[in-house]
Amino acid sequence: MRSPTLLALFVSIFVSACSKQDAASPQNQFTLQSGVSLVNASACMEEPKYSLGLEKDGPSYLVYATGRASCSSEAVAPYMTVVSDGRATLVLNPPQSKSSCECFRTFEARVVNRIHAGDILYVLTGGEVLGHVKVP
């Protein structure tokens, strides 16, 4: 027979652990947008060009991407896939709806604690693959 005191201890630890999980705020939960933010989105540019750059900025990385996007002046929050086998995809300004107006725009995004040196980062703008870079 098991001791009732031991059983009570187990139940109280179990209940305590469950209540701590339930108390987790949504702000502490991981999403595809965690650690990724849009720093700047340019207006439409007259000269069509594609470009992609990545630089380390303290504990974070800045991604600079120029490519086709909707003419809409309102940029959409970026998101990034979870790193798998050293690869991740950053999605900048995903298409929200089919628009007849497209132009070249530059997006600057900050990535914090999501990628590490040696990872490969693929970047999409406006639903199209812009390219990839190796994280320095």
N, C-alpha and C. Protein backbone atom coordinates (compact mmCIF):
# COMPACT_ATOMS: atom_id res chain seq x y z
N MET A 1 0.84 -1.19 0.00
CA MET A 1 0.00 0.00 0.00
C MET A 1 0.87 1.23 0.00
N ARG A 2 0.41 2.21 -0.68
CA ARG A 2 1.14 3.46 -0.76
C ARG A 2 0.65 4.39 0.33
N SER A 3 1.54 5.21 0.74
CA SER A 3 1.23 6.17 1.80
C SER A 3 0.31 7.26 1.27
N PRO A 4 -0.75 7.62 2.01
CA PRO A 4 -1.64 8.70 1.60
C PRO A 4 -0.89 10.04 1.53
N THR A 5 0.13 10.20 2.35
CA THR A 5 0.91 11.43 2.35
C THR A 5 1.68 11.55 1.04
N LEU A 6 2.25 10.47 0.56
CA LEU A 6 2.99 10.47 -0.70
C LEU A 6 2.05 10.78 -1.87
N LEU A 7 0.87 10.19 -1.85
CA LEU A 7 -0.11 10.44 -2.89
C LEU A 7 -0.56 11.90 -2.87
N ALA A 8 -0.78 12.46 -1.71
CA ALA A 8 -1.18 13.86 -1.59
C ALA A 8 -0.09 14.78 -2.11
N LEU A 9 1.15 14.46 -1.83
CA LEU A 9 2.28 15.26 -2.30
C LEU A 9 2.34 15.24 -3.82
N PHE A 10 2.17 14.05 -4.42
CA PHE A 10 2.19 13.93 -5.87
C PHE A 10 1.07 14.75 -6.51
N VAL A 11 -0.13 14.65 -5.97
CA VAL A 11 -1.28 15.38 -6.50
C VAL A 11 -1.05 16.89 -6.40
N SER A 12 -0.52 17.36 -5.28
CA SER A 12 -0.32 18.80 -5.12
C SER A 12 0.75 19.32 -6.08
N ILE A 13 1.81 18.53 -6.33
CA ILE A 13 2.83 18.94 -7.30
C ILE A 13 2.24 18.97 -8.70
N PHE A 14 1.46 17.96 -9.06
CA PHE A 14 0.84 17.88 -10.37
C PHE A 14 -0.10 19.07 -10.61
N VAL A 15 -0.95 19.36 -9.63
CA VAL A 15 -1.90 20.47 -9.75
C VAL A 15 -1.16 21.80 -9.84
N SER A 16 -0.10 21.96 -9.08
CA SER A 16 0.70 23.18 -9.11
C SER A 16 1.32 23.40 -10.49
N ALA A 17 1.85 22.35 -11.08
CA ALA A 17 2.46 22.44 -12.40
C ALA A 17 1.43 22.80 -13.45
N CYS A 18 0.25 22.21 -13.37
CA CYS A 18 -0.81 22.51 -14.33
C CYS A 18 -1.27 23.96 -14.21
N SER A 19 -1.40 24.45 -13.01
CA SER A 19 -1.87 25.83 -12.84
C SER A 19 -0.84 26.82 -13.34
N LYS A 20 0.45 26.48 -13.25
CA LYS A 20 1.48 27.38 -13.78
C LYS A 20 1.44 27.41 -15.30
N GLN A 21 1.16 26.30 -15.95
CA GLN A 21 1.04 26.28 -17.40
C GLN A 21 -0.14 27.12 -17.84
N ASP A 22 -1.25 27.01 -17.15
CA ASP A 22 -2.44 27.76 -17.53
C ASP A 22 -2.25 29.25 -17.33
N ALA A 23 -1.39 29.63 -16.40
CA ALA A 23 -1.18 31.04 -16.10
C ALA A 23 -0.25 31.72 -17.09
N ALA A 24 0.35 30.96 -18.01
CA ALA A 24 1.27 31.56 -18.99
C ALA A 24 0.50 32.56 -19.83
N SER A 25 1.05 33.75 -19.95
CA SER A 25 0.37 34.79 -20.73
C SER A 25 0.64 34.57 -22.21
N PRO A 26 -0.26 35.00 -23.09
CA PRO A 26 -0.07 34.84 -24.53
C PRO A 26 1.21 35.53 -25.00
N GLN A 27 1.67 36.53 -24.27
CA GLN A 27 2.87 37.26 -24.67
C GLN A 27 4.11 36.36 -24.56
N ASN A 28 4.08 35.34 -23.73
CA ASN A 28 5.22 34.47 -23.54
C ASN A 28 5.18 33.24 -24.44
N GLN A 29 4.16 33.12 -25.26
CA GLN A 29 4.04 31.96 -26.12
C GLN A 29 4.68 32.24 -27.47
N PHE A 30 5.33 31.23 -28.04
CA PHE A 30 6.02 31.36 -29.32
C PHE A 30 5.02 31.39 -30.47
N THR A 31 5.23 32.31 -31.42
CA THR A 31 4.49 32.34 -32.67
C THR A 31 5.50 32.51 -33.79
N LEU A 32 5.07 32.40 -35.01
CA LEU A 32 5.98 32.60 -36.14
C LEU A 32 6.46 34.05 -36.22
N GLN A 33 5.77 34.98 -35.54
CA GLN A 33 6.19 36.37 -35.53
C GLN A 33 7.09 36.70 -34.34
N SER A 34 7.30 35.76 -33.42
CA SER A 34 8.17 36.00 -32.26
C SER A 34 9.58 36.33 -32.73
N GLY A 35 10.13 37.42 -32.21
CA GLY A 35 11.50 37.80 -32.51
C GLY A 35 11.71 38.40 -33.89
N VAL A 36 10.63 38.66 -34.62
CA VAL A 36 10.72 39.23 -35.97
C VAL A 36 9.88 40.49 -36.01
N SER A 37 10.48 41.59 -36.45
CA SER A 37 9.71 42.83 -36.54
C SER A 37 10.10 43.62 -37.78
N LEU A 38 9.16 44.37 -38.29
CA LEU A 38 9.40 45.23 -39.44
C LEU A 38 9.93 46.56 -38.93
N VAL A 39 11.11 46.95 -39.37
CA VAL A 39 11.72 48.20 -38.95
C VAL A 39 11.31 49.33 -39.89
N ASN A 40 11.30 49.03 -41.19
CA ASN A 40 10.99 50.07 -42.17
C ASN A 40 10.47 49.43 -43.46
N ALA A 41 9.56 50.11 -44.11
CA ALA A 41 9.06 49.70 -45.43
C ALA A 41 9.02 50.95 -46.30
N SER A 42 9.73 50.91 -47.42
CA SER A 42 9.80 52.09 -48.28
C SER A 42 8.54 52.23 -49.12
N ALA A 43 8.41 53.40 -49.69
CA ALA A 43 7.37 53.62 -50.68
C ALA A 43 7.83 52.97 -51.98
N CYS A 44 6.99 52.99 -52.99
CA CYS A 44 7.37 52.42 -54.27
C CYS A 44 8.58 53.14 -54.84
N MET A 45 9.47 52.36 -55.47
CA MET A 45 10.67 52.92 -56.08
C MET A 45 10.50 52.91 -57.60
N GLU A 46 11.05 53.91 -58.26
CA GLU A 46 10.89 53.98 -59.71
C GLU A 46 11.81 53.01 -60.44
N GLU A 47 13.01 52.79 -59.89
CA GLU A 47 13.97 51.91 -60.54
C GLU A 47 13.79 50.48 -60.06
N PRO A 48 13.45 49.56 -60.97
CA PRO A 48 13.27 48.17 -60.54
C PRO A 48 14.61 47.50 -60.25
N LYS A 49 14.75 46.95 -59.07
CA LYS A 49 15.96 46.21 -58.72
C LYS A 49 15.65 45.24 -57.60
N TYR A 50 16.37 44.13 -57.61
CA TYR A 50 16.27 43.15 -56.54
C TYR A 50 17.55 43.23 -55.72
N SER A 51 17.42 43.16 -54.40
CA SER A 51 18.62 43.11 -53.56
C SER A 51 18.27 42.44 -52.24
N LEU A 52 19.31 41.87 -51.63
CA LEU A 52 19.12 41.18 -50.35
C LEU A 52 20.40 41.33 -49.55
N GLY A 53 20.27 41.76 -48.29
CA GLY A 53 21.42 41.92 -47.43
C GLY A 53 21.09 41.53 -46.00
N LEU A 54 22.11 41.16 -45.26
CA LEU A 54 21.94 40.74 -43.87
C LEU A 54 23.16 41.21 -43.10
N GLU A 55 22.92 41.85 -41.96
CA GLU A 55 24.05 42.27 -41.12
C GLU A 55 23.72 42.04 -39.65
N LYS A 56 24.76 41.75 -38.90
CA LYS A 56 24.61 41.53 -37.46
C LYS A 56 24.53 42.90 -36.80
N ASP A 57 23.60 43.06 -35.88
CA ASP A 57 23.40 44.31 -35.16
C ASP A 57 23.27 43.97 -33.68
N GLY A 58 24.40 43.83 -32.99
CA GLY A 58 24.37 43.42 -31.59
C GLY A 58 23.85 42.01 -31.48
N PRO A 59 22.81 41.80 -30.66
CA PRO A 59 22.27 40.45 -30.48
C PRO A 59 21.27 40.06 -31.58
N SER A 60 21.03 40.95 -32.52
CA SER A 60 20.03 40.68 -33.56
C SER A 60 20.65 40.79 -34.95
N TYR A 61 19.84 40.50 -35.93
CA TYR A 61 20.25 40.64 -37.34
C TYR A 61 19.27 41.56 -38.03
N LEU A 62 19.79 42.40 -38.93
CA LEU A 62 18.95 43.25 -39.77
C LEU A 62 18.95 42.67 -41.18
N VAL A 63 17.76 42.51 -41.74
CA VAL A 63 17.60 41.99 -43.09
C VAL A 63 17.09 43.13 -43.96
N TYR A 64 17.79 43.37 -45.07
CA TYR A 64 17.38 44.38 -46.04
C TYR A 64 17.00 43.67 -47.31
N ALA A 65 15.77 43.86 -47.77
CA ALA A 65 15.31 43.15 -48.95
C ALA A 65 14.53 44.10 -49.86
N THR A 66 14.89 44.10 -51.14
CA THR A 66 14.18 44.89 -52.13
C THR A 66 13.65 43.95 -53.19
N GLY A 67 12.35 44.03 -53.43
CA GLY A 67 11.73 43.16 -54.43
C GLY A 67 10.32 43.62 -54.74
N ARG A 68 9.64 42.85 -55.55
CA ARG A 68 8.25 43.18 -55.92
C ARG A 68 7.33 43.03 -54.71
N ALA A 69 6.43 43.98 -54.60
CA ALA A 69 5.44 43.94 -53.52
C ALA A 69 4.23 44.75 -53.97
N SER A 70 3.18 44.63 -53.22
CA SER A 70 1.97 45.40 -53.49
C SER A 70 2.25 46.87 -53.28
N CYS A 71 1.59 47.70 -54.05
CA CYS A 71 1.75 49.16 -53.92
C CYS A 71 1.14 49.69 -52.64
N SER A 72 0.35 48.88 -51.98
CA SER A 72 -0.31 49.30 -50.76
C SER A 72 0.68 49.96 -49.81
N SER A 73 0.29 51.06 -49.23
CA SER A 73 1.19 51.79 -48.35
C SER A 73 1.32 51.12 -46.99
N GLU A 74 0.43 50.20 -46.71
CA GLU A 74 0.45 49.53 -45.41
C GLU A 74 1.19 48.20 -45.50
N ALA A 75 2.32 48.11 -44.81
CA ALA A 75 3.10 46.87 -44.80
C ALA A 75 2.52 45.91 -43.77
N VAL A 76 2.63 44.64 -44.04
CA VAL A 76 2.12 43.59 -43.17
C VAL A 76 3.26 43.08 -42.30
N ALA A 77 2.96 42.70 -41.07
CA ALA A 77 3.98 42.20 -40.15
C ALA A 77 4.66 40.96 -40.74
N PRO A 78 5.99 40.91 -40.69
CA PRO A 78 6.71 39.74 -41.21
C PRO A 78 6.61 38.56 -40.26
N TYR A 79 6.92 37.37 -40.78
CA TYR A 79 7.00 36.18 -39.93
C TYR A 79 8.10 35.28 -40.48
N MET A 80 8.53 34.32 -39.65
CA MET A 80 9.62 33.45 -40.04
C MET A 80 9.33 32.02 -39.60
N THR A 81 9.69 31.08 -40.47
CA THR A 81 9.51 29.68 -40.12
C THR A 81 10.52 29.29 -39.04
N VAL A 82 10.28 28.19 -38.38
CA VAL A 82 11.20 27.67 -37.38
C VAL A 82 12.42 27.10 -38.10
N VAL A 83 13.61 27.35 -37.57
CA VAL A 83 14.84 26.84 -38.19
C VAL A 83 14.82 25.32 -38.15
N SER A 84 15.03 24.71 -39.31
CA SER A 84 15.08 23.26 -39.43
C SER A 84 16.29 22.92 -40.31
N ASP A 85 17.16 22.07 -39.82
CA ASP A 85 18.38 21.71 -40.54
C ASP A 85 19.19 22.93 -40.94
N GLY A 86 19.20 23.96 -40.08
CA GLY A 86 19.99 25.15 -40.35
C GLY A 86 19.39 26.07 -41.40
N ARG A 87 18.10 25.90 -41.70
CA ARG A 87 17.44 26.72 -42.71
C ARG A 87 16.15 27.30 -42.14
N ALA A 88 15.88 28.55 -42.53
CA ALA A 88 14.63 29.21 -42.13
C ALA A 88 14.19 30.12 -43.27
N THR A 89 12.92 30.47 -43.29
CA THR A 89 12.39 31.36 -44.31
C THR A 89 11.74 32.56 -43.65
N LEU A 90 12.17 33.74 -44.06
CA LEU A 90 11.58 35.00 -43.59
C LEU A 90 10.62 35.49 -44.66
N VAL A 91 9.38 35.77 -44.26
CA VAL A 91 8.35 36.23 -45.20
C VAL A 91 8.06 37.69 -44.91
N LEU A 92 8.43 38.53 -45.87
CA LEU A 92 8.20 39.98 -45.76
C LEU A 92 7.03 40.37 -46.64
N ASN A 93 6.12 41.13 -46.09
CA ASN A 93 4.97 41.65 -46.82
C ASN A 93 4.26 40.58 -47.65
N PRO A 94 3.72 39.56 -46.96
CA PRO A 94 3.00 38.52 -47.70
C PRO A 94 1.80 39.13 -48.40
N PRO A 95 1.47 38.63 -49.60
CA PRO A 95 0.33 39.20 -50.32
C PRO A 95 -0.97 38.96 -49.54
N GLN A 96 -1.72 40.00 -49.32
CA GLN A 96 -2.98 39.90 -48.60
C GLN A 96 -4.15 39.68 -49.55
N SER A 97 -4.05 40.27 -50.71
CA SER A 97 -5.08 40.09 -51.72
C SER A 97 -4.46 40.38 -53.08
N LYS A 98 -5.09 39.91 -54.10
CA LYS A 98 -4.58 40.17 -55.44
C LYS A 98 -4.78 41.64 -55.75
N SER A 99 -3.68 42.29 -56.08
CA SER A 99 -3.73 43.70 -56.41
C SER A 99 -3.16 43.87 -57.81
N SER A 100 -3.73 44.75 -58.58
CA SER A 100 -3.22 44.99 -59.92
C SER A 100 -1.99 45.90 -59.88
N CYS A 101 -1.73 46.48 -58.73
CA CYS A 101 -0.61 47.41 -58.59
C CYS A 101 0.55 46.76 -57.83
N GLU A 102 1.67 46.58 -58.52
CA GLU A 102 2.88 46.08 -57.90
C GLU A 102 4.03 47.02 -58.24
N CYS A 103 4.98 47.11 -57.32
CA CYS A 103 6.15 47.93 -57.54
C CYS A 103 7.30 47.36 -56.73
N PHE A 104 8.47 47.96 -56.86
CA PHE A 104 9.61 47.52 -56.06
C PHE A 104 9.66 48.35 -54.79
N ARG A 105 9.79 47.63 -53.67
CA ARG A 105 9.86 48.28 -52.36
C ARG A 105 10.99 47.64 -51.56
N THR A 106 11.54 48.41 -50.62
CA THR A 106 12.58 47.89 -49.73
C THR A 106 11.99 47.70 -48.34
N PHE A 107 12.28 46.54 -47.76
CA PHE A 107 11.82 46.23 -46.41
C PHE A 107 13.04 45.98 -45.53
N GLU A 108 13.00 46.50 -44.32
CA GLU A 108 14.05 46.26 -43.33
C GLU A 108 13.39 45.58 -42.14
N ALA A 109 13.90 44.41 -41.81
CA ALA A 109 13.33 43.64 -40.71
C ALA A 109 14.42 43.29 -39.71
N ARG A 110 14.03 43.20 -38.43
CA ARG A 110 14.95 42.80 -37.37
C ARG A 110 14.56 41.39 -36.91
N VAL A 111 15.58 40.53 -36.78
CA VAL A 111 15.37 39.16 -36.32
C VAL A 111 16.20 38.97 -35.05
N VAL A 112 15.52 38.63 -33.96
CA VAL A 112 16.18 38.48 -32.66
C VAL A 112 16.01 37.05 -32.16
N ASN A 113 17.13 36.40 -31.85
CA ASN A 113 17.15 35.05 -31.24
C ASN A 113 16.42 33.99 -32.06
N ARG A 114 16.41 34.13 -33.37
CA ARG A 114 15.75 33.13 -34.21
C ARG A 114 16.72 32.45 -35.17
N ILE A 115 17.81 33.15 -35.52
CA ILE A 115 18.80 32.57 -36.42
C ILE A 115 20.18 32.72 -35.80
N HIS A 116 21.10 31.89 -36.25
CA HIS A 116 22.45 31.88 -35.70
C HIS A 116 23.47 31.76 -36.82
N ALA A 117 24.70 32.11 -36.52
CA ALA A 117 25.78 32.04 -37.50
C ALA A 117 25.81 30.66 -38.15
N GLY A 118 25.92 30.67 -39.48
CA GLY A 118 25.97 29.42 -40.24
C GLY A 118 24.62 28.98 -40.79
N ASP A 119 23.51 29.50 -40.25
CA ASP A 119 22.19 29.17 -40.79
C ASP A 119 22.03 29.78 -42.18
N ILE A 120 21.12 29.22 -42.97
CA ILE A 120 20.76 29.77 -44.27
C ILE A 120 19.38 30.40 -44.12
N LEU A 121 19.26 31.67 -44.51
CA LEU A 121 17.99 32.38 -44.41
C LEU A 121 17.46 32.65 -45.81
N TYR A 122 16.29 32.09 -46.12
CA TYR A 122 15.60 32.35 -47.37
C TYR A 122 14.65 33.51 -47.13
N VAL A 123 14.51 34.39 -48.12
CA VAL A 123 13.67 35.58 -47.94
C VAL A 123 12.66 35.66 -49.08
N LEU A 124 11.39 35.89 -48.70
CA LEU A 124 10.32 36.09 -49.67
C LEU A 124 9.77 37.50 -49.52
N THR A 125 9.47 38.14 -50.63
CA THR A 125 8.76 39.42 -50.60
C THR A 125 7.58 39.32 -51.57
N GLY A 126 6.45 39.80 -51.12
CA GLY A 126 5.27 39.78 -51.98
C GLY A 126 4.91 38.41 -52.50
N GLY A 127 5.28 37.35 -51.77
CA GLY A 127 4.94 35.99 -52.18
C GLY A 127 5.94 35.37 -53.14
N GLU A 128 7.02 36.07 -53.49
CA GLU A 128 8.03 35.54 -54.40
C GLU A 128 9.35 35.37 -53.67
N VAL A 129 10.09 34.32 -54.03
CA VAL A 129 11.40 34.10 -53.43
C VAL A 129 12.36 35.16 -53.94
N LEU A 130 12.96 35.89 -53.01
CA LEU A 130 13.93 36.92 -53.38
C LEU A 130 15.33 36.33 -53.45
N GLY A 131 15.65 35.43 -52.52
CA GLY A 131 16.97 34.81 -52.51
C GLY A 131 17.27 34.23 -51.15
N HIS A 132 18.54 33.93 -50.93
CA HIS A 132 18.95 33.40 -49.64
C HIS A 132 20.35 33.92 -49.29
N VAL A 133 20.64 33.95 -47.98
CA VAL A 133 21.94 34.39 -47.50
C VAL A 133 22.37 33.47 -46.36
N LYS A 134 23.68 33.35 -46.20
CA LYS A 134 24.23 32.60 -45.09
C LYS A 134 24.43 33.58 -43.94
N VAL A 135 23.93 33.24 -42.76
CA VAL A 135 24.01 34.12 -41.60
C VAL A 135 25.46 34.20 -41.14
N PRO A 136 26.03 35.42 -41.05
CA PRO A 136 27.43 35.58 -40.66
C PRO A 136 27.67 35.27 -39.18
